[in-house]
Amino acid sequence: MDNRVPAQAFPAWETLQEELTERGLTSKDLATILGRSVEVAEQILTGRRPIGITTARKLEAAWGVSADFWLNLQQRYQWFLAEKGKQK
């Protein structure tokens, strides 16, 4: 029997919120960076929309934080949720 528990993973949107705060930026600023509406930016910032390849690349271009970083955060969190769901 497998009793392993997946390690805690943090949502990419939470890290993105922290990054915006550190840079003194708002969801409107994020929308401008992404070339998307404020509504879409807010969906990303609340986890209702995942950080995809295009978003990750735009964040990389704007801030120099690699697209891989954002995509890995997103993927690891989704994996964590899937594994956590299996444990119930």
PDB file of N, CA and C in Angstrom:
ATOM      1  N   MET A   1       0.845  -1.173   0.000  1.00  0.00           N
ATOM      2  CA  MET A   1       0.000   0.000   0.000  1.00  0.00           C
ATOM      3  C   MET A   1       0.895   1.243   0.000  1.00  0.00           C
ATOM      4  N   ASP A   2       0.513   2.243  -0.776  1.00  0.00           N
ATOM      5  CA  ASP A   2       1.303   3.461  -0.936  1.00  0.00           C
ATOM      6  C   ASP A   2       0.737   4.558  -0.032  1.00  0.00           C
ATOM      7  N   ASN A   3       1.495   4.955   0.981  1.00  0.00           N
ATOM      8  CA  ASN A   3       1.041   5.978   1.927  1.00  0.00           C
ATOM      9  C   ASN A   3       1.703   7.317   1.696  1.00  0.00           C
ATOM     10  N   ARG A   4       2.328   7.497   0.542  1.00  0.00           N
ATOM     11  CA  ARG A   4       3.001   8.766   0.280  1.00  0.00           C
ATOM     12  C   ARG A   4       1.982   9.885   0.110  1.00  0.00           C
ATOM     13  N   VAL A   5       2.354  11.058   0.590  1.00  0.00           N
ATOM     14  CA  VAL A   5       1.532  12.256   0.450  1.00  0.00           C
ATOM     15  C   VAL A   5       2.313  13.231  -0.418  1.00  0.00           C
ATOM     16  N   PRO A   6       1.678  13.785  -1.460  1.00  0.00           N
ATOM     17  CA  PRO A   6       2.419  14.713  -2.310  1.00  0.00           C
ATOM     18  C   PRO A   6       2.844  15.963  -1.540  1.00  0.00           C
ATOM     19  N   ALA A   7       4.006  16.462  -1.879  1.00  0.00           N
ATOM     20  CA  ALA A   7       4.494  17.697  -1.255  1.00  0.00           C
ATOM     21  C   ALA A   7       3.576  18.848  -1.632  1.00  0.00           C
ATOM     22  N   GLN A   8       3.482  19.812  -0.740  1.00  0.00           N
ATOM     23  CA  GLN A   8       2.663  21.001  -1.014  1.00  0.00           C
ATOM     24  C   GLN A   8       3.226  21.746  -2.220  1.00  0.00           C
ATOM     25  N   ALA A   9       2.373  22.129  -3.099  1.00  0.00           N
ATOM     26  CA  ALA A   9       2.760  22.950  -4.248  1.00  0.00           C
ATOM     27  C   ALA A   9       1.975  24.248  -4.162  1.00  0.00           C
ATOM     28  N   PHE A  10       2.574  25.295  -4.657  1.00  0.00           N
ATOM     29  CA  PHE A  10       1.934  26.602  -4.581  1.00  0.00           C
ATOM     30  C   PHE A  10       1.427  27.015  -5.947  1.00  0.00           C
ATOM     31  N   PRO A  11       0.244  27.591  -5.999  1.00  0.00           N
ATOM     32  CA  PRO A  11      -0.322  27.987  -7.285  1.00  0.00           C
ATOM     33  C   PRO A  11       0.491  29.099  -7.950  1.00  0.00           C
ATOM     34  N   ALA A  12       0.618  28.998  -9.255  1.00  0.00           N
ATOM     35  CA  ALA A  12       1.359  29.997 -10.022  1.00  0.00           C
ATOM     36  C   ALA A  12       0.749  31.380  -9.849  1.00  0.00           C
ATOM     37  N   TRP A  13      -0.575  31.431  -9.751  1.00  0.00           N
ATOM     38  CA  TRP A  13      -1.228  32.740  -9.624  1.00  0.00           C
ATOM     39  C   TRP A  13      -0.870  33.424  -8.311  1.00  0.00           C
ATOM     40  N   GLU A  14      -0.609  32.635  -7.270  1.00  0.00           N
ATOM     41  CA  GLU A  14      -0.223  33.208  -5.988  1.00  0.00           C
ATOM     42  C   GLU A  14       1.163  33.872  -6.102  1.00  0.00           C
ATOM     43  N   THR A  15       2.061  33.200  -6.780  1.00  0.00           N
ATOM     44  CA  THR A  15       3.398  33.749  -7.010  1.00  0.00           C
ATOM     45  C   THR A  15       3.305  34.990  -7.888  1.00  0.00           C
ATOM     46  N   LEU A  16       2.435  34.952  -8.875  1.00  0.00           N
ATOM     47  CA  LEU A  16       2.237  36.101  -9.749  1.00  0.00           C
ATOM     48  C   LEU A  16       1.703  37.300  -8.959  1.00  0.00           C
ATOM     49  N   GLN A  17       0.766  37.054  -8.051  1.00  0.00           N
ATOM     50  CA  GLN A  17       0.253  38.128  -7.191  1.00  0.00           C
ATOM     51  C   GLN A  17       1.382  38.749  -6.368  1.00  0.00           C
ATOM     52  N   GLU A  18       2.221  37.902  -5.793  1.00  0.00           N
ATOM     53  CA  GLU A  18       3.353  38.386  -4.997  1.00  0.00           C
ATOM     54  C   GLU A  18       4.305  39.215  -5.851  1.00  0.00           C
ATOM     55  N   GLU A  19       4.546  38.759  -7.060  1.00  0.00           N
ATOM     56  CA  GLU A  19       5.444  39.476  -7.965  1.00  0.00           C
ATOM     57  C   GLU A  19       4.872  40.854  -8.315  1.00  0.00           C
ATOM     58  N   LEU A  20       3.584  40.911  -8.578  1.00  0.00           N
ATOM     59  CA  LEU A  20       2.952  42.202  -8.856  1.00  0.00           C
ATOM     60  C   LEU A  20       3.084  43.149  -7.661  1.00  0.00           C
ATOM     61  N   THR A  21       2.826  42.617  -6.474  1.00  0.00           N
ATOM     62  CA  THR A  21       2.917  43.433  -5.264  1.00  0.00           C
ATOM     63  C   THR A  21       4.329  43.974  -5.090  1.00  0.00           C
ATOM     64  N   GLU A  22       5.316  43.104  -5.249  1.00  0.00           N
ATOM     65  CA  GLU A  22       6.717  43.523  -5.099  1.00  0.00           C
ATOM     66  C   GLU A  22       7.100  44.613  -6.107  1.00  0.00           C
ATOM     67  N   ARG A  23       6.508  44.549  -7.279  1.00  0.00           N
ATOM     68  CA  ARG A  23       6.822  45.519  -8.328  1.00  0.00           C
ATOM     69  C   ARG A  23       5.909  46.749  -8.275  1.00  0.00           C
ATOM     70  N   GLY A  24       4.955  46.744  -7.346  1.00  0.00           N
ATOM     71  CA  GLY A  24       4.037  47.871  -7.224  1.00  0.00           C
ATOM     72  C   GLY A  24       3.077  47.980  -8.396  1.00  0.00           C
ATOM     73  N   LEU A  25       2.695  46.822  -8.946  1.00  0.00           N
ATOM     74  CA  LEU A  25       1.815  46.797 -10.119  1.00  0.00           C
ATOM     75  C   LEU A  25       0.427  46.302  -9.757  1.00  0.00           C
ATOM     76  N   THR A  26      -0.534  46.598 -10.630  1.00  0.00           N
ATOM     77  CA  THR A  26      -1.932  46.207 -10.435  1.00  0.00           C
ATOM     78  C   THR A  26      -2.361  45.215 -11.507  1.00  0.00           C
ATOM     79  N   SER A  27      -3.588  44.733 -11.384  1.00  0.00           N
ATOM     80  CA  SER A  27      -4.126  43.831 -12.406  1.00  0.00           C
ATOM     81  C   SER A  27      -4.243  44.558 -13.751  1.00  0.00           C
ATOM     82  N   LYS A  28      -4.472  45.860 -13.700  1.00  0.00           N
ATOM     83  CA  LYS A  28      -4.514  46.642 -14.946  1.00  0.00           C
ATOM     84  C   LYS A  28      -3.135  46.656 -15.603  1.00  0.00           C
ATOM     85  N   ASP A  29      -2.092  46.799 -14.806  1.00  0.00           N
ATOM     86  CA  ASP A  29      -0.734  46.745 -15.341  1.00  0.00           C
ATOM     87  C   ASP A  29      -0.448  45.372 -15.947  1.00  0.00           C
ATOM     88  N   LEU A  30      -0.901  44.326 -15.256  1.00  0.00           N
ATOM     89  CA  LEU A  30      -0.709  42.974 -15.786  1.00  0.00           C
ATOM     90  C   LEU A  30      -1.428  42.811 -17.114  1.00  0.00           C
ATOM     91  N   ALA A  31      -2.634  43.336 -17.190  1.00  0.00           N
ATOM     92  CA  ALA A  31      -3.396  43.257 -18.441  1.00  0.00           C
ATOM     93  C   ALA A  31      -2.612  43.916 -19.580  1.00  0.00           C
ATOM     94  N   THR A  32      -2.005  45.053 -19.308  1.00  0.00           N
ATOM     95  CA  THR A  32      -1.207  45.752 -20.317  1.00  0.00           C
ATOM     96  C   THR A  32      -0.009  44.898 -20.726  1.00  0.00           C
ATOM     97  N   ILE A  33       0.684  44.329 -19.750  1.00  0.00           N
ATOM     98  CA  ILE A  33       1.844  43.473 -20.036  1.00  0.00           C
ATOM     99  C   ILE A  33       1.445  42.298 -20.912  1.00  0.00           C
ATOM    100  N   LEU A  34       0.293  41.714 -20.611  1.00  0.00           N
ATOM    101  CA  LEU A  34      -0.159  40.523 -21.337  1.00  0.00           C
ATOM    102  C   LEU A  34      -0.874  40.848 -22.641  1.00  0.00           C
ATOM    103  N   GLY A  35      -1.252  42.118 -22.809  1.00  0.00           N
ATOM    104  CA  GLY A  35      -2.021  42.477 -23.992  1.00  0.00           C
ATOM    105  C   GLY A  35      -3.408  41.866 -23.964  1.00  0.00           C
ATOM    106  N   ARG A  36      -3.955  41.736 -22.744  1.00  0.00           N
ATOM    107  CA  ARG A  36      -5.268  41.129 -22.547  1.00  0.00           C
ATOM    108  C   ARG A  36      -6.137  42.102 -21.760  1.00  0.00           C
ATOM    109  N   SER A  37      -7.384  41.749 -21.591  1.00  0.00           N
ATOM    110  CA  SER A  37      -8.297  42.593 -20.824  1.00  0.00           C
ATOM    111  C   SER A  37      -7.993  42.480 -19.331  1.00  0.00           C
ATOM    112  N   VAL A  38      -8.473  43.461 -18.578  1.00  0.00           N
ATOM    113  CA  VAL A  38      -8.324  43.422 -17.124  1.00  0.00           C
ATOM    114  C   VAL A  38      -9.060  42.205 -16.575  1.00  0.00           C
ATOM    115  N   GLU A  39     -10.183  41.879 -17.165  1.00  0.00           N
ATOM    116  CA  GLU A  39     -10.954  40.712 -16.723  1.00  0.00           C
ATOM    117  C   GLU A  39     -10.118  39.435 -16.832  1.00  0.00           C
ATOM    118  N   VAL A  40      -9.433  39.254 -17.942  1.00  0.00           N
ATOM    119  CA  VAL A  40      -8.588  38.068 -18.120  1.00  0.00           C
ATOM    120  C   VAL A  40      -7.436  38.092 -17.119  1.00  0.00           C
ATOM    121  N   ALA A  41      -6.807  39.247 -16.937  1.00  0.00           N
ATOM    122  CA  ALA A  41      -5.716  39.364 -15.961  1.00  0.00           C
ATOM    123  C   ALA A  41      -6.202  38.980 -14.567  1.00  0.00           C
ATOM    124  N   GLU A  42      -7.385  39.426 -14.198  1.00  0.00           N
ATOM    125  CA  GLU A  42      -7.932  39.101 -12.879  1.00  0.00           C
ATOM    126  C   GLU A  42      -8.286  37.622 -12.762  1.00  0.00           C
ATOM    127  N   GLN A  43      -8.710  37.015 -13.848  1.00  0.00           N
ATOM    128  CA  GLN A  43      -8.977  35.574 -13.840  1.00  0.00           C
ATOM    129  C   GLN A  43      -7.684  34.795 -13.597  1.00  0.00           C
ATOM    130  N   ILE A  44      -6.607  35.240 -14.208  1.00  0.00           N
ATOM    131  CA  ILE A  44      -5.304  34.602 -13.984  1.00  0.00           C
ATOM    132  C   ILE A  44      -4.867  34.800 -12.542  1.00  0.00           C
ATOM    133  N   LEU A  45      -5.038  36.004 -12.026  1.00  0.00           N
ATOM    134  CA  LEU A  45      -4.595  36.333 -10.672  1.00  0.00           C
ATOM    135  C   LEU A  45      -5.400  35.654  -9.571  1.00  0.00           C
ATOM    136  N   THR A  46      -6.566  35.138  -9.912  1.00  0.00           N
ATOM    137  CA  THR A  46      -7.390  34.442  -8.923  1.00  0.00           C
ATOM    138  C   THR A  46      -7.452  32.937  -9.174  1.00  0.00           C
ATOM    139  N   GLY A  47      -6.680  32.473 -10.142  1.00  0.00           N
ATOM    140  CA  GLY A  47      -6.620  31.044 -10.410  1.00  0.00           C
ATOM    141  C   GLY A  47      -7.772  30.491 -11.223  1.00  0.00           C
ATOM    142  N   ARG A  48      -8.623  31.354 -11.741  1.00  0.00           N
ATOM    143  CA  ARG A  48      -9.744  30.881 -12.565  1.00  0.00           C
ATOM    144  C   ARG A  48      -9.312  30.609 -13.996  1.00  0.00           C
ATOM    145  N   ARG A  49      -8.136  31.086 -14.352  1.00  0.00           N
ATOM    146  CA  ARG A  49      -7.566  30.848 -15.683  1.00  0.00           C
ATOM    147  C   ARG A  49      -6.097  30.497 -15.464  1.00  0.00           C
ATOM    148  N   PRO A  50      -5.640  29.374 -16.032  1.00  0.00           N
ATOM    149  CA  PRO A  50      -4.244  28.980 -15.810  1.00  0.00           C
ATOM    150  C   PRO A  50      -3.254  29.861 -16.574  1.00  0.00           C
ATOM    151  N   ILE A  51      -2.033  29.851 -16.105  1.00  0.00           N
ATOM    152  CA  ILE A  51      -0.959  30.521 -16.830  1.00  0.00           C
ATOM    153  C   ILE A  51      -0.522  29.569 -17.941  1.00  0.00           C
ATOM    154  N   GLY A  52      -0.764  29.978 -19.157  1.00  0.00           N
ATOM    155  CA  GLY A  52      -0.401  29.166 -20.316  1.00  0.00           C
ATOM    156  C   GLY A  52       0.891  29.653 -20.958  1.00  0.00           C
ATOM    157  N   ILE A  53       1.224  29.057 -22.073  1.00  0.00           N
ATOM    158  CA  ILE A  53       2.480  29.355 -22.763  1.00  0.00           C
ATOM    159  C   ILE A  53       2.578  30.822 -23.161  1.00  0.00           C
ATOM    160  N   THR A  54       1.535  31.357 -23.760  1.00  0.00           N
ATOM    161  CA  THR A  54       1.572  32.751 -24.215  1.00  0.00           C
ATOM    162  C   THR A  54       1.762  33.702 -23.041  1.00  0.00           C
ATOM    163  N   THR A  55       1.016  33.483 -21.972  1.00  0.00           N
ATOM    164  CA  THR A  55       1.144  34.320 -20.779  1.00  0.00           C
ATOM    165  C   THR A  55       2.543  34.204 -20.201  1.00  0.00           C
ATOM    166  N   ALA A  56       3.050  32.987 -20.094  1.00  0.00           N
ATOM    167  CA  ALA A  56       4.386  32.766 -19.539  1.00  0.00           C
ATOM    168  C   ALA A  56       5.451  33.482 -20.375  1.00  0.00           C
ATOM    169  N   ARG A  57       5.318  33.429 -21.676  1.00  0.00           N
ATOM    170  CA  ARG A  57       6.295  34.101 -22.547  1.00  0.00           C
ATOM    171  C   ARG A  57       6.231  35.618 -22.391  1.00  0.00           C
ATOM    172  N   LYS A  58       5.020  36.147 -22.225  1.00  0.00           N
ATOM    173  CA  LYS A  58       4.891  37.603 -22.058  1.00  0.00           C
ATOM    174  C   LYS A  58       5.456  38.053 -20.714  1.00  0.00           C
ATOM    175  N   LEU A  59       5.282  37.229 -19.688  1.00  0.00           N
ATOM    176  CA  LEU A  59       5.875  37.545 -18.388  1.00  0.00           C
ATOM    177  C   LEU A  59       7.396  37.496 -18.476  1.00  0.00           C
ATOM    178  N   GLU A  60       7.901  36.528 -19.205  1.00  0.00           N
ATOM    179  CA  GLU A  60       9.345  36.428 -19.394  1.00  0.00           C
ATOM    180  C   GLU A  60       9.891  37.667 -20.108  1.00  0.00           C
ATOM    181  N   ALA A  61       9.215  38.085 -21.155  1.00  0.00           N
ATOM    182  CA  ALA A  61       9.664  39.256 -21.916  1.00  0.00           C
ATOM    183  C   ALA A  61       9.611  40.530 -21.062  1.00  0.00           C
ATOM    184  N   ALA A  62       8.590  40.645 -20.231  1.00  0.00           N
ATOM    185  CA  ALA A  62       8.412  41.858 -19.426  1.00  0.00           C
ATOM    186  C   ALA A  62       9.339  41.904 -18.216  1.00  0.00           C
ATOM    187  N   TRP A  63       9.541  40.754 -17.561  1.00  0.00           N
ATOM    188  CA  TRP A  63      10.231  40.747 -16.281  1.00  0.00           C
ATOM    189  C   TRP A  63      11.540  39.972 -16.272  1.00  0.00           C
ATOM    190  N   GLY A  64      11.796  39.198 -17.320  1.00  0.00           N
ATOM    191  CA  GLY A  64      13.020  38.409 -17.350  1.00  0.00           C
ATOM    192  C   GLY A  64      12.954  37.136 -16.515  1.00  0.00           C
ATOM    193  N   VAL A  65      11.775  36.802 -16.011  1.00  0.00           N
ATOM    194  CA  VAL A  65      11.579  35.543 -15.283  1.00  0.00           C
ATOM    195  C   VAL A  65      11.167  34.518 -16.323  1.00  0.00           C
ATOM    196  N   SER A  66      11.916  33.434 -16.437  1.00  0.00           N
ATOM    197  CA  SER A  66      11.724  32.502 -17.551  1.00  0.00           C
ATOM    198  C   SER A  66      10.298  31.969 -17.651  1.00  0.00           C
ATOM    199  N   ALA A  67       9.885  31.756 -18.887  1.00  0.00           N
ATOM    200  CA  ALA A  67       8.580  31.162 -19.149  1.00  0.00           C
ATOM    201  C   ALA A  67       8.499  29.788 -18.498  1.00  0.00           C
ATOM    202  N   ASP A  68       9.612  29.060 -18.507  1.00  0.00           N
ATOM    203  CA  ASP A  68       9.640  27.734 -17.875  1.00  0.00           C
ATOM    204  C   ASP A  68       9.276  27.803 -16.395  1.00  0.00           C
ATOM    205  N   PHE A  69       9.735  28.845 -15.719  1.00  0.00           N
ATOM    206  CA  PHE A  69       9.419  29.018 -14.305  1.00  0.00           C
ATOM    207  C   PHE A  69       7.909  29.053 -14.098  1.00  0.00           C
ATOM    208  N   TRP A  70       7.222  29.898 -14.866  1.00  0.00           N
ATOM    209  CA  TRP A  70       5.763  30.048 -14.718  1.00  0.00           C
ATOM    210  C   TRP A  70       5.031  28.779 -15.106  1.00  0.00           C
ATOM    211  N   LEU A  71       5.467  28.156 -16.197  1.00  0.00           N
ATOM    212  CA  LEU A  71       4.806  26.935 -16.643  1.00  0.00           C
ATOM    213  C   LEU A  71       5.022  25.789 -15.665  1.00  0.00           C
ATOM    214  N   ASN A  72       6.218  25.697 -15.099  1.00  0.00           N
ATOM    215  CA  ASN A  72       6.483  24.655 -14.106  1.00  0.00           C
ATOM    216  C   ASN A  72       5.646  24.859 -12.854  1.00  0.00           C
ATOM    217  N   LEU A  73       5.524  26.096 -12.394  1.00  0.00           N
ATOM    218  CA  LEU A  73       4.668  26.360 -11.239  1.00  0.00           C
ATOM    219  C   LEU A  73       3.237  25.904 -11.513  1.00  0.00           C
ATOM    220  N   GLN A  74       2.730  26.268 -12.681  1.00  0.00           N
ATOM    221  CA  GLN A  74       1.363  25.916 -13.054  1.00  0.00           C
ATOM    222  C   GLN A  74       1.185  24.402 -13.110  1.00  0.00           C
ATOM    223  N   GLN A  75       2.116  23.728 -13.773  1.00  0.00           N
ATOM    224  CA  GLN A  75       2.017  22.280 -13.938  1.00  0.00           C
ATOM    225  C   GLN A  75       2.151  21.543 -12.605  1.00  0.00           C
ATOM    226  N   ARG A  76       3.088  21.964 -11.778  1.00  0.00           N
ATOM    227  CA  ARG A  76       3.279  21.297 -10.491  1.00  0.00           C
ATOM    228  C   ARG A  76       2.050  21.456  -9.594  1.00  0.00           C
ATOM    229  N   TYR A  77       1.432  22.616  -9.648  1.00  0.00           N
ATOM    230  CA  TYR A  77       0.236  22.825  -8.833  1.00  0.00           C
ATOM    231  C   TYR A  77      -0.919  21.956  -9.345  1.00  0.00           C
ATOM    232  N   GLN A  78      -1.083  21.876 -10.652  1.00  0.00           N
ATOM    233  CA  GLN A  78      -2.138  21.029 -11.202  1.00  0.00           C
ATOM    234  C   GLN A  78      -1.890  19.561 -10.848  1.00  0.00           C
ATOM    235  N   TRP A  79      -0.639  19.146 -10.908  1.00  0.00           N
ATOM    236  CA  TRP A  79      -0.274  17.778 -10.547  1.00  0.00           C
ATOM    237  C   TRP A  79      -0.579  17.526  -9.069  1.00  0.00           C
ATOM    238  N   PHE A  80      -0.215  18.488  -8.215  1.00  0.00           N
ATOM    239  CA  PHE A  80      -0.485  18.389  -6.790  1.00  0.00           C
ATOM    240  C   PHE A  80      -1.981  18.191  -6.536  1.00  0.00           C
ATOM    241  N   LEU A  81      -2.804  19.005  -7.190  1.00  0.00           N
ATOM    242  CA  LEU A  81      -4.255  18.875  -7.002  1.00  0.00           C
ATOM    243  C   LEU A  81      -4.765  17.523  -7.468  1.00  0.00           C
ATOM    244  N   ALA A  82      -4.243  17.044  -8.587  1.00  0.00           N
ATOM    245  CA  ALA A  82      -4.661  15.733  -9.106  1.00  0.00           C
ATOM    246  C   ALA A  82      -4.276  14.616  -8.138  1.00  0.00           C
ATOM    247  N   GLU A  83      -3.063  14.674  -7.617  1.00  0.00           N
ATOM    248  CA  GLU A  83      -2.610  13.645  -6.674  1.00  0.00           C
ATOM    249  C   GLU A  83      -3.370  13.728  -5.350  1.00  0.00           C
ATOM    250  N   LYS A  84      -3.632  14.935  -4.921  1.00  0.00           N
ATOM    251  CA  LYS A  84      -4.385  15.136  -3.676  1.00  0.00           C
ATOM    252  C   LYS A  84      -5.793  14.555  -3.823  1.00  0.00           C
ATOM    253  N   GLY A  85      -6.383  14.733  -5.005  1.00  0.00           N
ATOM    254  CA  GLY A  85      -7.706  14.190  -5.275  1.00  0.00           C
ATOM    255  C   GLY A  85      -7.739  12.681  -5.251  1.00  0.00           C
ATOM    256  N   LYS A  86      -6.642  12.045  -5.642  1.00  0.00           N
ATOM    257  CA  LYS A  86      -6.566  10.573  -5.624  1.00  0.00           C
ATOM    258  C   LYS A  86      -6.548  10.028  -4.208  1.00  0.00           C
ATOM    259  N   GLN A  87      -6.078  10.823  -3.259  1.00  0.00           N
ATOM    260  CA  GLN A  87      -5.887  10.361  -1.885  1.00  0.00           C
ATOM    261  C   GLN A  87      -7.191  10.264  -1.117  1.00  0.00           C
ATOM    262  N   LYS A  88      -8.240  10.893  -1.608  1.00  0.00           N
ATOM    263  CA  LYS A  88      -9.501  10.912  -0.862  1.00  0.00           C
ATOM    264  C   LYS A  88     -10.245   9.604  -0.982  1.00  0.00           C
TER     265      LYS A  88
END
